[in-house]
Amino acid sequence: SAGGGSAWKIAADLPDPELPVVTIADLGILRDVTE
């Protein structure tokens, strides 16, 4: 979740389905990713 891992980066780049111009990380809904 510190933002340095590849799973975090992949998840953070996912576009929001209703507003595809922003990612789920941009919106702040991505809270944590662990691998």
PDB file of all heavy atoms in Angstrom:
ATOM      1  N   SER A   1       0.791  -1.225   0.000  1.00  0.00           N
ATOM      2  CA  SER A   1       0.000   0.000   0.000  1.00  0.00           C
ATOM      3  C   SER A   1       0.826   1.279   0.000  1.00  0.00           C
ATOM      4  O   SER A   1       0.284   2.341  -0.243  1.00  0.00           O
ATOM      5  CB  SER A   1      -0.967   0.008   1.173  1.00  0.00           C
ATOM      6  OG  SER A   1      -0.256  -0.037   2.379  1.00  0.00           O
ATOM      7  N   ALA A   2       2.104   1.176   0.221  1.00  0.00           N
ATOM      8  CA  ALA A   2       2.943   2.378   0.163  1.00  0.00           C
ATOM      9  C   ALA A   2       3.039   2.914  -1.258  1.00  0.00           C
ATOM     10  O   ALA A   2       3.493   4.019  -1.476  1.00  0.00           O
ATOM     11  CB  ALA A   2       4.337   2.069   0.706  1.00  0.00           C
ATOM     12  N   GLY A   3       2.578   2.144  -2.224  1.00  0.00           N
ATOM     13  CA  GLY A   3       2.549   2.618  -3.588  1.00  0.00           C
ATOM     14  C   GLY A   3       3.713   2.150  -4.436  1.00  0.00           C
ATOM     15  O   GLY A   3       3.777   2.463  -5.613  1.00  0.00           O
ATOM     16  N   GLY A   4       4.627   1.370  -3.860  1.00  0.00           N
ATOM     17  CA  GLY A   4       5.795   0.983  -4.618  1.00  0.00           C
ATOM     18  C   GLY A   4       5.683  -0.357  -5.315  1.00  0.00           C
ATOM     19  O   GLY A   4       6.433  -0.640  -6.223  1.00  0.00           O
ATOM     20  N   GLY A   5       4.756  -1.218  -4.909  1.00  0.00           N
ATOM     21  CA  GLY A   5       4.661  -2.557  -5.467  1.00  0.00           C
ATOM     22  C   GLY A   5       3.895  -2.607  -6.767  1.00  0.00           C
ATOM     23  O   GLY A   5       3.124  -1.719  -7.104  1.00  0.00           O
ATOM     24  N   SER A   6       4.132  -3.684  -7.506  1.00  0.00           N
ATOM     25  CA  SER A   6       3.504  -3.797  -8.817  1.00  0.00           C
ATOM     26  C   SER A   6       2.000  -4.032  -8.715  1.00  0.00           C
ATOM     27  O   SER A   6       1.248  -3.517  -9.538  1.00  0.00           O
ATOM     28  CB  SER A   6       4.180  -4.887  -9.635  1.00  0.00           C
ATOM     29  OG  SER A   6       4.111  -6.126  -8.960  1.00  0.00           O
ATOM     30  N   ALA A   7       1.527  -4.802  -7.735  1.00  0.00           N
ATOM     31  CA  ALA A   7       0.084  -5.021  -7.595  1.00  0.00           C
ATOM     32  C   ALA A   7      -0.618  -3.699  -7.277  1.00  0.00           C
ATOM     33  O   ALA A   7      -1.702  -3.411  -7.805  1.00  0.00           O
ATOM     34  CB  ALA A   7      -0.209  -6.062  -6.517  1.00  0.00           C
ATOM     35  N   TRP A   8      -0.002  -2.900  -6.423  1.00  0.00           N
ATOM     36  CA  TRP A   8      -0.583  -1.578  -6.114  1.00  0.00           C
ATOM     37  C   TRP A   8      -0.676  -0.736  -7.381  1.00  0.00           C
ATOM     38  O   TRP A   8      -1.697  -0.141  -7.679  1.00  0.00           O
ATOM     39  CB  TRP A   8       0.241  -0.846  -5.052  1.00  0.00           C
ATOM     40  CG  TRP A   8      -0.230   0.566  -4.879  1.00  0.00           C
ATOM     41  CD1 TRP A   8       0.231   1.667  -5.541  1.00  0.00           C
ATOM     42  CD2 TRP A   8      -1.289   1.030  -4.045  1.00  0.00           C
ATOM     43  NE1 TRP A   8      -0.479   2.790  -5.145  1.00  0.00           N
ATOM     44  CE2 TRP A   8      -1.419   2.423  -4.237  1.00  0.00           C
ATOM     45  CE3 TRP A   8      -2.154   0.399  -3.146  1.00  0.00           C
ATOM     46  CZ2 TRP A   8      -2.363   3.184  -3.571  1.00  0.00           C
ATOM     47  CZ3 TRP A   8      -3.091   1.166  -2.475  1.00  0.00           C
ATOM     48  CH2 TRP A   8      -3.198   2.547  -2.688  1.00  0.00           C
ATOM     49  N   LYS A   9       0.388  -0.695  -8.161  1.00  0.00           N
ATOM     50  CA  LYS A   9       0.428   0.120  -9.377  1.00  0.00           C
ATOM     51  C   LYS A   9      -0.645  -0.338 -10.368  1.00  0.00           C
ATOM     52  O   LYS A   9      -1.336   0.486 -10.970  1.00  0.00           O
ATOM     53  CB  LYS A   9       1.822   0.031 -10.012  1.00  0.00           C
ATOM     54  CG  LYS A   9       1.963   0.717 -11.342  1.00  0.00           C
ATOM     55  CD  LYS A   9       2.104   2.218 -11.191  1.00  0.00           C
ATOM     56  CE  LYS A   9       2.458   2.868 -12.520  1.00  0.00           C
ATOM     57  NZ  LYS A   9       1.434   3.731 -13.039  1.00  0.00           N
ATOM     58  N   ILE A  10      -0.788  -1.634 -10.535  1.00  0.00           N
ATOM     59  CA  ILE A  10      -1.791  -2.174 -11.458  1.00  0.00           C
ATOM     60  C   ILE A  10      -3.186  -1.788 -10.996  1.00  0.00           C
ATOM     61  O   ILE A  10      -4.018  -1.311 -11.782  1.00  0.00           O
ATOM     62  CB  ILE A  10      -1.644  -3.706 -11.585  1.00  0.00           C
ATOM     63  CG1 ILE A  10      -0.336  -4.043 -12.304  1.00  0.00           C
ATOM     64  CG2 ILE A  10      -2.840  -4.311 -12.316  1.00  0.00           C
ATOM     65  CD1 ILE A  10       0.073  -5.489 -12.179  1.00  0.00           C
ATOM     66  N   ALA A  11      -3.467  -1.973  -9.701  1.00  0.00           N
ATOM     67  CA  ALA A  11      -4.790  -1.624  -9.166  1.00  0.00           C
ATOM     68  C   ALA A  11      -5.032  -0.119  -9.245  1.00  0.00           C
ATOM     69  O   ALA A  11      -6.125   0.327  -9.607  1.00  0.00           O
ATOM     70  CB  ALA A  11      -4.914  -2.114  -7.724  1.00  0.00           C
ATOM     71  N   ALA A  12      -4.016   0.665  -8.921  1.00  0.00           N
ATOM     72  CA  ALA A  12      -4.160   2.128  -8.899  1.00  0.00           C
ATOM     73  C   ALA A  12      -4.446   2.701 -10.283  1.00  0.00           C
ATOM     74  O   ALA A  12      -5.088   3.745 -10.396  1.00  0.00           O
ATOM     75  CB  ALA A  12      -2.895   2.762  -8.324  1.00  0.00           C
ATOM     76  N   ASP A  13      -4.004   2.029 -11.332  1.00  0.00           N
ATOM     77  CA  ASP A  13      -4.207   2.510 -12.700  1.00  0.00           C
ATOM     78  C   ASP A  13      -5.569   2.126 -13.283  1.00  0.00           C
ATOM     79  O   ASP A  13      -5.887   2.523 -14.401  1.00  0.00           O
ATOM     80  CB  ASP A  13      -3.105   1.979 -13.622  1.00  0.00           C
ATOM     81  CG  ASP A  13      -1.772   2.673 -13.393  1.00  0.00           C
ATOM     82  OD1 ASP A  13      -1.752   3.761 -12.777  1.00  0.00           O
ATOM     83  OD2 ASP A  13      -0.747   2.115 -13.829  1.00  0.00           O
ATOM     84  N   LEU A  14      -6.374   1.380 -12.535  1.00  0.00           N
ATOM     85  CA  LEU A  14      -7.679   0.938 -13.032  1.00  0.00           C
ATOM     86  C   LEU A  14      -8.635   2.126 -13.152  1.00  0.00           C
ATOM     87  O   LEU A  14      -8.856   2.850 -12.178  1.00  0.00           O
ATOM     88  CB  LEU A  14      -8.266  -0.107 -12.081  1.00  0.00           C
ATOM     89  CG  LEU A  14      -9.535  -0.782 -12.565  1.00  0.00           C
ATOM     90  CD1 LEU A  14      -9.216  -1.759 -13.688  1.00  0.00           C
ATOM     91  CD2 LEU A  14     -10.193  -1.520 -11.417  1.00  0.00           C
ATOM     92  N   PRO A  15      -9.204   2.362 -14.339  1.00  0.00           N
ATOM     93  CA  PRO A  15     -10.134   3.492 -14.484  1.00  0.00           C
ATOM     94  C   PRO A  15     -11.471   3.220 -13.800  1.00  0.00           C
ATOM     95  O   PRO A  15     -11.924   2.075 -13.727  1.00  0.00           O
ATOM     96  CB  PRO A  15     -10.306   3.623 -15.997  1.00  0.00           C
ATOM     97  CG  PRO A  15      -9.918   2.312 -16.572  1.00  0.00           C
ATOM     98  CD  PRO A  15      -8.968   1.666 -15.597  1.00  0.00           C
ATOM     99  N   ASP A  16     -12.091   4.275 -13.321  1.00  0.00           N
ATOM    100  CA  ASP A  16     -13.433   4.165 -12.763  1.00  0.00           C
ATOM    101  C   ASP A  16     -14.395   3.878 -13.917  1.00  0.00           C
ATOM    102  O   ASP A  16     -14.311   4.533 -14.956  1.00  0.00           O
ATOM    103  CB  ASP A  16     -13.808   5.482 -12.072  1.00  0.00           C
ATOM    104  CG  ASP A  16     -15.203   5.426 -11.492  1.00  0.00           C
ATOM    105  OD1 ASP A  16     -15.375   4.804 -10.424  1.00  0.00           O
ATOM    106  OD2 ASP A  16     -16.125   5.991 -12.119  1.00  0.00           O
ATOM    107  N   PRO A  17     -15.314   2.910 -13.772  1.00  0.00           N
ATOM    108  CA  PRO A  17     -16.201   2.570 -14.889  1.00  0.00           C
ATOM    109  C   PRO A  17     -17.216   3.668 -15.242  1.00  0.00           C
ATOM    110  O   PRO A  17     -17.657   3.745 -16.382  1.00  0.00           O
ATOM    111  CB  PRO A  17     -16.909   1.298 -14.427  1.00  0.00           C
ATOM    112  CG  PRO A  17     -16.754   1.264 -12.955  1.00  0.00           C
ATOM    113  CD  PRO A  17     -15.504   2.029 -12.635  1.00  0.00           C
ATOM    114  N   GLU A  18     -17.562   4.517 -14.293  1.00  0.00           N
ATOM    115  CA  GLU A  18     -18.534   5.579 -14.566  1.00  0.00           C
ATOM    116  C   GLU A  18     -17.866   6.867 -15.027  1.00  0.00           C
ATOM    117  O   GLU A  18     -18.474   7.658 -15.743  1.00  0.00           O
ATOM    118  CB  GLU A  18     -19.378   5.856 -13.322  1.00  0.00           C
ATOM    119  CG  GLU A  18     -20.264   4.691 -12.952  1.00  0.00           C
ATOM    120  CD  GLU A  18     -21.062   4.926 -11.685  1.00  0.00           C
ATOM    121  OE1 GLU A  18     -20.626   5.720 -10.820  1.00  0.00           O
ATOM    122  OE2 GLU A  18     -22.121   4.298 -11.562  1.00  0.00           O
ATOM    123  N   LEU A  19     -16.635   7.082 -14.597  1.00  0.00           N
ATOM    124  CA  LEU A  19     -15.860   8.268 -14.982  1.00  0.00           C
ATOM    125  C   LEU A  19     -14.477   7.797 -15.414  1.00  0.00           C
ATOM    126  O   LEU A  19     -13.510   7.904 -14.670  1.00  0.00           O
ATOM    127  CB  LEU A  19     -15.742   9.233 -13.798  1.00  0.00           C
ATOM    128  CG  LEU A  19     -17.023   9.886 -13.331  1.00  0.00           C
ATOM    129  CD1 LEU A  19     -16.862  10.484 -11.937  1.00  0.00           C
ATOM    130  CD2 LEU A  19     -17.448  10.952 -14.327  1.00  0.00           C
ATOM    131  N   PRO A  20     -14.352   7.243 -16.621  1.00  0.00           N
ATOM    132  CA  PRO A  20     -13.095   6.598 -17.030  1.00  0.00           C
ATOM    133  C   PRO A  20     -11.897   7.525 -17.149  1.00  0.00           C
ATOM    134  O   PRO A  20     -10.781   7.051 -17.313  1.00  0.00           O
ATOM    135  CB  PRO A  20     -13.449   5.970 -18.380  1.00  0.00           C
ATOM    136  CG  PRO A  20     -14.637   6.727 -18.868  1.00  0.00           C
ATOM    137  CD  PRO A  20     -15.391   7.170 -17.649  1.00  0.00           C
ATOM    138  N   VAL A  21     -12.115   8.818 -17.001  1.00  0.00           N
ATOM    139  CA  VAL A  21     -10.999   9.760 -17.057  1.00  0.00           C
ATOM    140  C   VAL A  21     -10.183   9.753 -15.756  1.00  0.00           C
ATOM    141  O   VAL A  21      -9.057  10.212 -15.734  1.00  0.00           O
ATOM    142  CB  VAL A  21     -11.511  11.179 -17.396  1.00  0.00           C
ATOM    143  CG1 VAL A  21     -12.304  11.764 -16.249  1.00  0.00           C
ATOM    144  CG2 VAL A  21     -10.397  12.095 -17.797  1.00  0.00           C
ATOM    145  N   VAL A  22     -10.752   9.201 -14.680  1.00  0.00           N
ATOM    146  CA  VAL A  22     -10.054   9.105 -13.398  1.00  0.00           C
ATOM    147  C   VAL A  22      -9.893   7.640 -13.006  1.00  0.00           C
ATOM    148  O   VAL A  22     -10.691   6.793 -13.393  1.00  0.00           O
ATOM    149  CB  VAL A  22     -10.778   9.878 -12.265  1.00  0.00           C
ATOM    150  CG1 VAL A  22     -10.740  11.364 -12.499  1.00  0.00           C
ATOM    151  CG2 VAL A  22     -12.208   9.395 -12.090  1.00  0.00           C
ATOM    152  N   THR A  23      -8.860   7.369 -12.219  1.00  0.00           N
ATOM    153  CA  THR A  23      -8.632   6.005 -11.738  1.00  0.00           C
ATOM    154  C   THR A  23      -9.266   5.842 -10.361  1.00  0.00           C
ATOM    155  O   THR A  23      -9.629   6.829  -9.703  1.00  0.00           O
ATOM    156  CB  THR A  23      -7.126   5.703 -11.632  1.00  0.00           C
ATOM    157  OG1 THR A  23      -6.570   6.504 -10.582  1.00  0.00           O
ATOM    158  CG2 THR A  23      -6.410   5.947 -12.948  1.00  0.00           C
ATOM    159  N   ILE A  24      -9.325   4.587  -9.912  1.00  0.00           N
ATOM    160  CA  ILE A  24      -9.874   4.353  -8.579  1.00  0.00           C
ATOM    161  C   ILE A  24      -8.951   4.916  -7.506  1.00  0.00           C
ATOM    162  O   ILE A  24      -9.410   5.277  -6.425  1.00  0.00           O
ATOM    163  CB  ILE A  24     -10.214   2.867  -8.334  1.00  0.00           C
ATOM    164  CG1 ILE A  24      -8.983   1.966  -8.409  1.00  0.00           C
ATOM    165  CG2 ILE A  24     -11.291   2.394  -9.305  1.00  0.00           C
ATOM    166  CD1 ILE A  24      -9.233   0.525  -7.989  1.00  0.00           C
ATOM    167  N   ALA A  25      -7.658   5.048  -7.812  1.00  0.00           N
ATOM    168  CA  ALA A  25      -6.734   5.697  -6.868  1.00  0.00           C
ATOM    169  C   ALA A  25      -6.959   7.203  -6.872  1.00  0.00           C
ATOM    170  O   ALA A  25      -6.939   7.833  -5.809  1.00  0.00           O
ATOM    171  CB  ALA A  25      -5.286   5.374  -7.222  1.00  0.00           C
ATOM    172  N   ASP A  26      -7.184   7.802  -8.051  1.00  0.00           N
ATOM    173  CA  ASP A  26      -7.482   9.235  -8.130  1.00  0.00           C
ATOM    174  C   ASP A  26      -8.689   9.584  -7.262  1.00  0.00           C
ATOM    175  O   ASP A  26      -8.711  10.608  -6.594  1.00  0.00           O
ATOM    176  CB  ASP A  26      -7.822   9.661  -9.565  1.00  0.00           C
ATOM    177  CG  ASP A  26      -6.663   9.648 -10.534  1.00  0.00           C
ATOM    178  OD1 ASP A  26      -5.506   9.763 -10.084  1.00  0.00           O
ATOM    179  OD2 ASP A  26      -6.925   9.535 -11.744  1.00  0.00           O
ATOM    180  N   LEU A  27      -9.709   8.718  -7.313  1.00  0.00           N
ATOM    181  CA  LEU A  27     -10.932   8.971  -6.553  1.00  0.00           C
ATOM    182  C   LEU A  27     -10.762   8.716  -5.055  1.00  0.00           C
ATOM    183  O   LEU A  27     -11.573   9.164  -4.260  1.00  0.00           O
ATOM    184  CB  LEU A  27     -12.077   8.103  -7.078  1.00  0.00           C
ATOM    185  CG  LEU A  27     -12.650   8.507  -8.421  1.00  0.00           C
ATOM    186  CD1 LEU A  27     -13.699   7.496  -8.881  1.00  0.00           C
ATOM    187  CD2 LEU A  27     -13.257   9.897  -8.357  1.00  0.00           C
ATOM    188  N   GLY A  28      -9.728   7.983  -4.689  1.00  0.00           N
ATOM    189  CA  GLY A  28      -9.492   7.699  -3.281  1.00  0.00           C
ATOM    190  C   GLY A  28     -10.251   6.489  -2.768  1.00  0.00           C
ATOM    191  O   GLY A  28     -10.311   6.271  -1.561  1.00  0.00           O
ATOM    192  N   ILE A  29     -10.816   5.682  -3.676  1.00  0.00           N
ATOM    193  CA  ILE A  29     -11.536   4.499  -3.203  1.00  0.00           C
ATOM    194  C   ILE A  29     -10.615   3.295  -3.026  1.00  0.00           C
ATOM    195  O   ILE A  29     -10.968   2.346  -2.339  1.00  0.00           O
ATOM    196  CB  ILE A  29     -12.739   4.133  -4.103  1.00  0.00           C
ATOM    197  CG1 ILE A  29     -12.306   3.739  -5.501  1.00  0.00           C
ATOM    198  CG2 ILE A  29     -13.736   5.267  -4.143  1.00  0.00           C
ATOM    199  CD1 ILE A  29     -13.447   3.212  -6.345  1.00  0.00           C
ATOM    200  N   LEU A  30      -9.434   3.339  -3.630  1.00  0.00           N
ATOM    201  CA  LEU A  30      -8.448   2.278  -3.428  1.00  0.00           C
ATOM    202  C   LEU A  30      -7.753   2.538  -2.098  1.00  0.00           C
ATOM    203  O   LEU A  30      -7.066   3.537  -1.927  1.00  0.00           O
ATOM    204  CB  LEU A  30      -7.420   2.269  -4.569  1.00  0.00           C
ATOM    205  CG  LEU A  30      -6.342   1.191  -4.488  1.00  0.00           C
ATOM    206  CD1 LEU A  30      -6.960  -0.208  -4.565  1.00  0.00           C
ATOM    207  CD2 LEU A  30      -5.321   1.389  -5.599  1.00  0.00           C
ATOM    208  N   ARG A  31      -7.974   1.646  -1.143  1.00  0.00           N
ATOM    209  CA  ARG A  31      -7.472   1.872   0.208  1.00  0.00           C
ATOM    210  C   ARG A  31      -6.164   1.141   0.495  1.00  0.00           C
ATOM    211  O   ARG A  31      -5.282   1.670   1.136  1.00  0.00           O
ATOM    212  CB  ARG A  31      -8.525   1.416   1.237  1.00  0.00           C
ATOM    213  CG  ARG A  31      -9.860   2.126   1.121  1.00  0.00           C
ATOM    214  CD  ARG A  31      -9.810   3.547   1.634  1.00  0.00           C
ATOM    215  NE  ARG A  31      -9.513   3.608   3.036  1.00  0.00           N
ATOM    216  CZ  ARG A  31     -10.387   3.444   4.018  1.00  0.00           C
ATOM    217  NH1 ARG A  31     -11.644   3.240   3.754  1.00  0.00           N
ATOM    218  NH2 ARG A  31      -9.998   3.508   5.270  1.00  0.00           N
ATOM    219  N   ASP A  32      -6.048  -0.099   0.037  1.00  0.00           N
ATOM    220  CA  ASP A  32      -4.885  -0.902   0.383  1.00  0.00           C
ATOM    221  C   ASP A  32      -4.730  -2.031  -0.632  1.00  0.00           C
ATOM    222  O   ASP A  32      -5.725  -2.512  -1.185  1.00  0.00           O
ATOM    223  CB  ASP A  32      -5.059  -1.485   1.785  1.00  0.00           C
ATOM    224  CG  ASP A  32      -3.777  -2.069   2.366  1.00  0.00           C
ATOM    225  OD1 ASP A  32      -2.682  -1.638   1.954  1.00  0.00           O
ATOM    226  OD2 ASP A  32      -3.870  -2.954   3.237  1.00  0.00           O
ATOM    227  N   VAL A  33      -3.505  -2.420  -0.891  1.00  0.00           N
ATOM    228  CA  VAL A  33      -3.197  -3.574  -1.733  1.00  0.00           C
ATOM    229  C   VAL A  33      -2.054  -4.310  -1.060  1.00  0.00           C
ATOM    230  O   VAL A  33      -1.026  -3.703  -0.749  1.00  0.00           O
ATOM    231  CB  VAL A  33      -2.786  -3.162  -3.168  1.00  0.00           C
ATOM    232  CG1 VAL A  33      -2.431  -4.384  -3.993  1.00  0.00           C
ATOM    233  CG2 VAL A  33      -3.889  -2.354  -3.842  1.00  0.00           C
ATOM    234  N   THR A  34      -2.250  -5.601  -0.821  1.00  0.00           N
ATOM    235  CA  THR A  34      -1.167  -6.424  -0.282  1.00  0.00           C
ATOM    236  C   THR A  34      -0.969  -7.605  -1.215  1.00  0.00           C
ATOM    237  O   THR A  34      -1.912  -8.092  -1.847  1.00  0.00           O
ATOM    238  CB  THR A  34      -1.474  -6.933   1.149  1.00  0.00           C
ATOM    239  OG1 THR A  34      -2.690  -7.675   1.141  1.00  0.00           O
ATOM    240  CG2 THR A  34      -1.596  -5.766   2.124  1.00  0.00           C
ATOM    241  N   GLU A  35       0.269  -8.033  -1.314  1.00  0.00           N
ATOM    242  CA  GLU A  35       0.568  -9.223  -2.109  1.00  0.00           C
ATOM    243  C   GLU A  35       1.600 -10.043  -1.360  1.00  0.00           C
ATOM    244  O   GLU A  35       2.354  -9.509  -0.546  1.00  0.00           O
ATOM    245  CB  GLU A  35       1.050  -8.837  -3.508  1.00  0.00           C
ATOM    246  CG  GLU A  35       2.390  -8.147  -3.571  1.00  0.00           C
ATOM    247  CD  GLU A  35       2.791  -7.789  -4.990  1.00  0.00           C
ATOM    248  OE1 GLU A  35       3.168  -8.682  -5.752  1.00  0.00           O
ATOM    249  OE2 GLU A  35       2.723  -6.604  -5.307  1.00  0.00           O
TER     250      GLU A  35
END
